[in-house]
Amino acid sequence: MSDVSSSRLNPFRNAPNLLTLARICIAPFLVSAILENRYALSFGLFLAAGLTDALDGTVARLLKQRTMLGQYLDPVADKLLLSTLFLVLFHKGLIPARVTVMVFSRDVGILVVAAILYAATGRREFKPSIFGKANTLAQVAAVAAVLLTQLTAAPWVAEVRMMALGATMVLTVVSGLHYAWIVSRRTSTPAMGSPGAR
């Protein structure tokens, strides 16, 4: 039986991609909840989005369903969700402008550079670096802490918020510089065909 036929018969074939798409679909409802000051709902939706992020990679590995689409879609979904949340939380006065500008500028810059390199050279092997992954984790922690501060006045939540925002600023700069270094090195080597950086 061909791969095409088996993929049609197997309903779990694209389960990881469906989880990633679900995360993208959650984004507008999450933004709407924040704009309407429904922070309990927004925190719950953010946790649900985080759960889909954790599950899509796990399901892909367990069911051996890694696809090129999924490898590109996952980091794009993360960038779309987190960058949008930083903008919305800045609009609500919950995140400082300097942090939002740094996060948004880095993510847009990476996507633009990756698109230009792909269009010009066909290069698409910028895998997530350890600094990029750490930056994503810091951003997730920052957004979660910011939302949680609207639900509780516990001192530890405020401390986590401050530390997560500080870590986000530092790791945004470090990961951005590291990405620029990777680009400068790899643009002189043959394209290999892996997904974009996170």
Protein backbone atom coordinates (compact mmCIF):
# COMPACT_ATOMS: atom_id res chain seq x y z
CA MET A 1 0.00 0.00 0.00
CA SER A 2 1.38 3.41 -0.93
CA ASP A 3 2.15 6.18 1.56
CA VAL A 4 -0.67 8.25 0.05
CA SER A 5 -3.23 5.49 0.61
CA SER A 6 -2.03 4.78 4.15
CA SER A 7 -2.19 8.46 5.07
CA ARG A 8 -5.82 8.55 3.90
CA LEU A 9 -6.71 5.47 5.93
CA ASN A 10 -4.89 6.57 9.09
CA PRO A 11 -6.88 9.33 10.85
CA PHE A 12 -3.93 10.07 13.15
CA ARG A 13 -1.54 10.66 10.29
CA ASN A 14 -1.69 14.44 10.63
CA ALA A 15 -2.60 14.66 14.31
CA PRO A 16 0.50 16.75 15.22
CA ASN A 17 -0.31 19.27 12.49
CA LEU A 18 -3.92 19.46 13.68
CA LEU A 19 -2.67 20.26 17.20
CA THR A 20 -0.49 23.03 15.81
CA LEU A 21 -3.42 24.43 13.81
CA ALA A 22 -5.54 24.27 16.97
CA ARG A 23 -2.96 26.49 18.69
CA ILE A 24 -3.26 29.01 15.87
CA CYS A 25 -7.07 28.89 16.14
CA ILE A 26 -6.90 29.54 19.90
CA ALA A 27 -5.00 32.81 19.33
CA PRO A 28 -7.95 35.08 18.37
CA PHE A 29 -10.07 33.82 21.28
CA LEU A 30 -7.17 34.38 23.65
CA VAL A 31 -6.62 37.92 22.36
CA SER A 32 -10.34 38.65 22.65
CA ALA A 33 -10.43 37.40 26.25
CA ILE A 34 -7.52 39.66 27.22
CA LEU A 35 -9.05 42.71 25.53
CA GLU A 36 -12.29 42.03 27.44
CA ASN A 37 -10.38 41.72 30.75
CA ARG A 38 -11.41 38.08 31.13
CA TYR A 39 -8.08 37.03 32.58
CA ALA A 40 -9.20 33.73 34.09
CA LEU A 41 -10.40 32.63 30.65
CA SER A 42 -7.30 34.00 28.93
CA PHE A 43 -5.03 32.16 31.36
CA GLY A 44 -6.92 28.93 30.71
CA LEU A 45 -6.71 29.40 26.95
CA PHE A 46 -3.00 30.13 27.21
CA LEU A 47 -2.50 26.90 29.14
CA ALA A 48 -4.48 25.05 26.46
CA ALA A 49 -2.27 26.57 23.75
CA GLY A 50 0.81 25.52 25.70
CA LEU A 51 -0.59 22.00 25.98
CA THR A 52 -1.01 21.72 22.21
CA ASP A 53 2.57 22.94 21.80
CA ALA A 54 3.85 20.23 24.14
CA LEU A 55 1.67 17.53 22.59
CA ASP A 56 2.30 18.13 18.90
CA GLY A 57 6.00 17.29 19.13
CA THR A 58 5.37 14.35 21.45
CA VAL A 59 2.65 12.91 19.22
CA ALA A 60 4.82 13.38 16.13
CA ARG A 61 7.63 11.40 17.75
CA LEU A 62 5.43 8.65 19.19
CA LEU A 63 3.41 8.10 16.02
CA LYS A 64 6.38 8.83 13.72
CA GLN A 65 4.38 11.47 11.90
CA ARG A 66 6.95 14.23 11.48
CA THR A 67 6.26 16.19 8.31
CA MET A 68 8.02 19.10 6.63
CA LEU A 69 4.82 21.16 6.98
CA GLY A 70 4.72 20.48 10.70
CA GLN A 71 8.37 21.42 11.16
CA TYR A 72 7.72 24.80 9.59
CA LEU A 73 4.25 25.34 11.02
CA ASP A 74 5.18 24.76 14.67
CA PRO A 75 7.70 27.63 15.10
CA VAL A 76 5.52 29.94 13.01
CA ALA A 77 2.56 29.18 15.28
CA ASP A 78 4.70 29.94 18.35
CA LYS A 79 5.90 33.24 16.91
CA LEU A 80 2.40 34.24 15.83
CA LEU A 81 0.90 33.49 19.24
CA LEU A 82 3.62 34.96 21.45
CA SER A 83 4.31 38.09 19.39
CA THR A 84 0.59 38.83 19.22
CA LEU A 85 0.21 38.34 22.98
CA PHE A 86 3.10 40.67 23.73
CA LEU A 87 1.50 43.35 21.56
CA VAL A 88 -1.92 42.91 23.17
CA LEU A 89 -0.51 42.86 26.72
CA PHE A 90 1.49 45.99 25.91
CA HIS A 91 -1.71 47.61 24.64
CA LYS A 92 -3.32 46.75 27.99
CA GLY A 93 -0.38 48.29 29.86
CA LEU A 94 0.73 44.95 31.32
CA ILE A 95 4.08 44.57 29.57
CA PRO A 96 6.70 47.33 29.10
CA ALA A 97 7.12 48.80 25.62
CA ARG A 98 10.84 48.00 25.47
CA VAL A 99 10.22 44.29 25.99
CA THR A 100 7.46 44.16 23.39
CA VAL A 101 9.51 46.03 20.79
CA MET A 102 12.48 43.72 21.30
CA VAL A 103 10.42 40.52 21.08
CA PHE A 104 8.36 41.62 18.10
CA SER A 105 11.34 43.04 16.19
CA ARG A 106 13.39 39.87 16.69
CA ASP A 107 10.62 37.53 15.59
CA VAL A 108 9.68 39.59 12.54
CA GLY A 109 13.35 39.97 11.65
CA ILE A 110 13.97 36.23 11.80
CA LEU A 111 10.93 35.44 9.67
CA VAL A 112 11.87 38.07 7.08
CA VAL A 113 15.51 36.96 6.88
CA ALA A 114 14.48 33.30 6.62
CA ALA A 115 12.02 34.13 3.84
CA ILE A 116 14.62 36.17 1.93
CA LEU A 117 17.25 33.45 2.24
CA TYR A 118 14.80 30.80 1.09
CA ALA A 119 13.67 32.90 -1.88
CA ALA A 120 17.23 33.79 -2.86
CA THR A 121 19.12 30.56 -2.19
CA GLY A 122 16.56 27.89 -1.30
CA ARG A 123 18.17 27.68 2.12
CA ARG A 124 15.91 26.50 4.96
CA GLU A 125 18.12 24.70 7.48
CA PHE A 126 17.98 27.14 10.40
CA LYS A 127 16.98 24.84 13.21
CA PRO A 128 15.98 26.17 16.65
CA SER A 129 19.09 26.94 18.70
CA ILE A 130 19.42 26.41 22.44
CA PHE A 131 19.17 30.19 22.88
CA GLY A 132 16.05 30.36 20.73
CA LYS A 133 14.39 27.60 22.72
CA ALA A 134 15.36 29.28 26.00
CA ASN A 135 13.96 32.57 24.70
CA THR A 136 10.66 30.92 23.78
CA LEU A 137 10.46 29.37 27.25
CA ALA A 138 11.15 32.76 28.86
CA GLN A 139 8.44 34.39 26.74
CA VAL A 140 5.93 31.71 27.70
CA ALA A 141 6.78 32.15 31.38
CA ALA A 142 6.50 35.93 31.06
CA VAL A 143 3.07 35.83 29.43
CA ALA A 144 1.80 33.27 31.93
CA ALA A 145 3.09 35.31 34.88
CA VAL A 146 1.63 38.55 33.51
CA LEU A 147 -1.79 36.94 33.11
CA LEU A 148 -1.52 35.35 36.54
CA THR A 149 -0.79 38.72 38.19
CA GLN A 150 -4.28 39.76 37.09
CA LEU A 151 -5.73 36.85 39.05
CA THR A 152 -3.67 36.94 42.24
CA ALA A 153 -1.59 39.40 44.23
CA ALA A 154 0.75 36.71 45.53
CA PRO A 155 4.30 38.12 45.86
CA TRP A 156 5.89 35.12 44.17
CA VAL A 157 3.84 35.73 41.02
CA ALA A 158 5.12 39.31 40.80
CA GLU A 159 8.68 38.06 41.28
CA VAL A 160 8.29 35.44 38.57
CA ARG A 161 6.88 38.11 36.25
CA MET A 162 9.85 40.39 36.83
CA MET A 163 12.40 37.59 36.36
CA ALA A 164 10.68 36.20 33.26
CA LEU A 165 10.50 39.62 31.59
CA GLY A 166 14.17 40.24 32.42
CA ALA A 167 15.15 36.84 31.04
CA THR A 168 13.09 37.52 27.92
CA MET A 169 14.98 40.76 27.25
CA VAL A 170 18.40 39.15 27.73
CA LEU A 171 17.61 36.03 25.72
CA THR A 172 15.99 38.05 22.93
CA VAL A 173 19.26 39.89 22.39
CA VAL A 174 21.44 36.79 22.80
CA SER A 175 19.32 34.58 20.53
CA GLY A 176 19.05 37.36 17.94
CA LEU A 177 22.84 37.79 17.83
CA HIS A 178 23.30 34.02 17.71
CA TYR A 179 20.87 33.75 14.82
CA ALA A 180 22.75 36.51 12.96
CA TRP A 181 25.99 34.58 13.52
CA ILE A 182 24.39 31.37 12.21
CA VAL A 183 23.16 33.19 9.10
CA SER A 184 26.60 34.67 8.42
CA ARG A 185 28.20 31.23 8.64
CA ARG A 186 25.64 29.16 6.79
CA THR A 187 24.99 31.44 3.86
CA SER A 188 28.37 30.39 2.50
CA THR A 189 27.55 26.64 2.67
CA PRO A 190 25.22 24.53 0.49
CA ALA A 191 21.53 24.47 1.49
CA MET A 192 20.44 21.32 3.33
CA GLY A 193 16.66 21.69 3.64
CA SER A 194 15.69 21.83 7.33
CA PRO A 195 13.03 24.03 9.00
CA GLY A 196 13.35 27.63 10.14
CA ALA A 197 14.79 28.90 13.42
CA ARG A 198 12.63 29.44 16.48
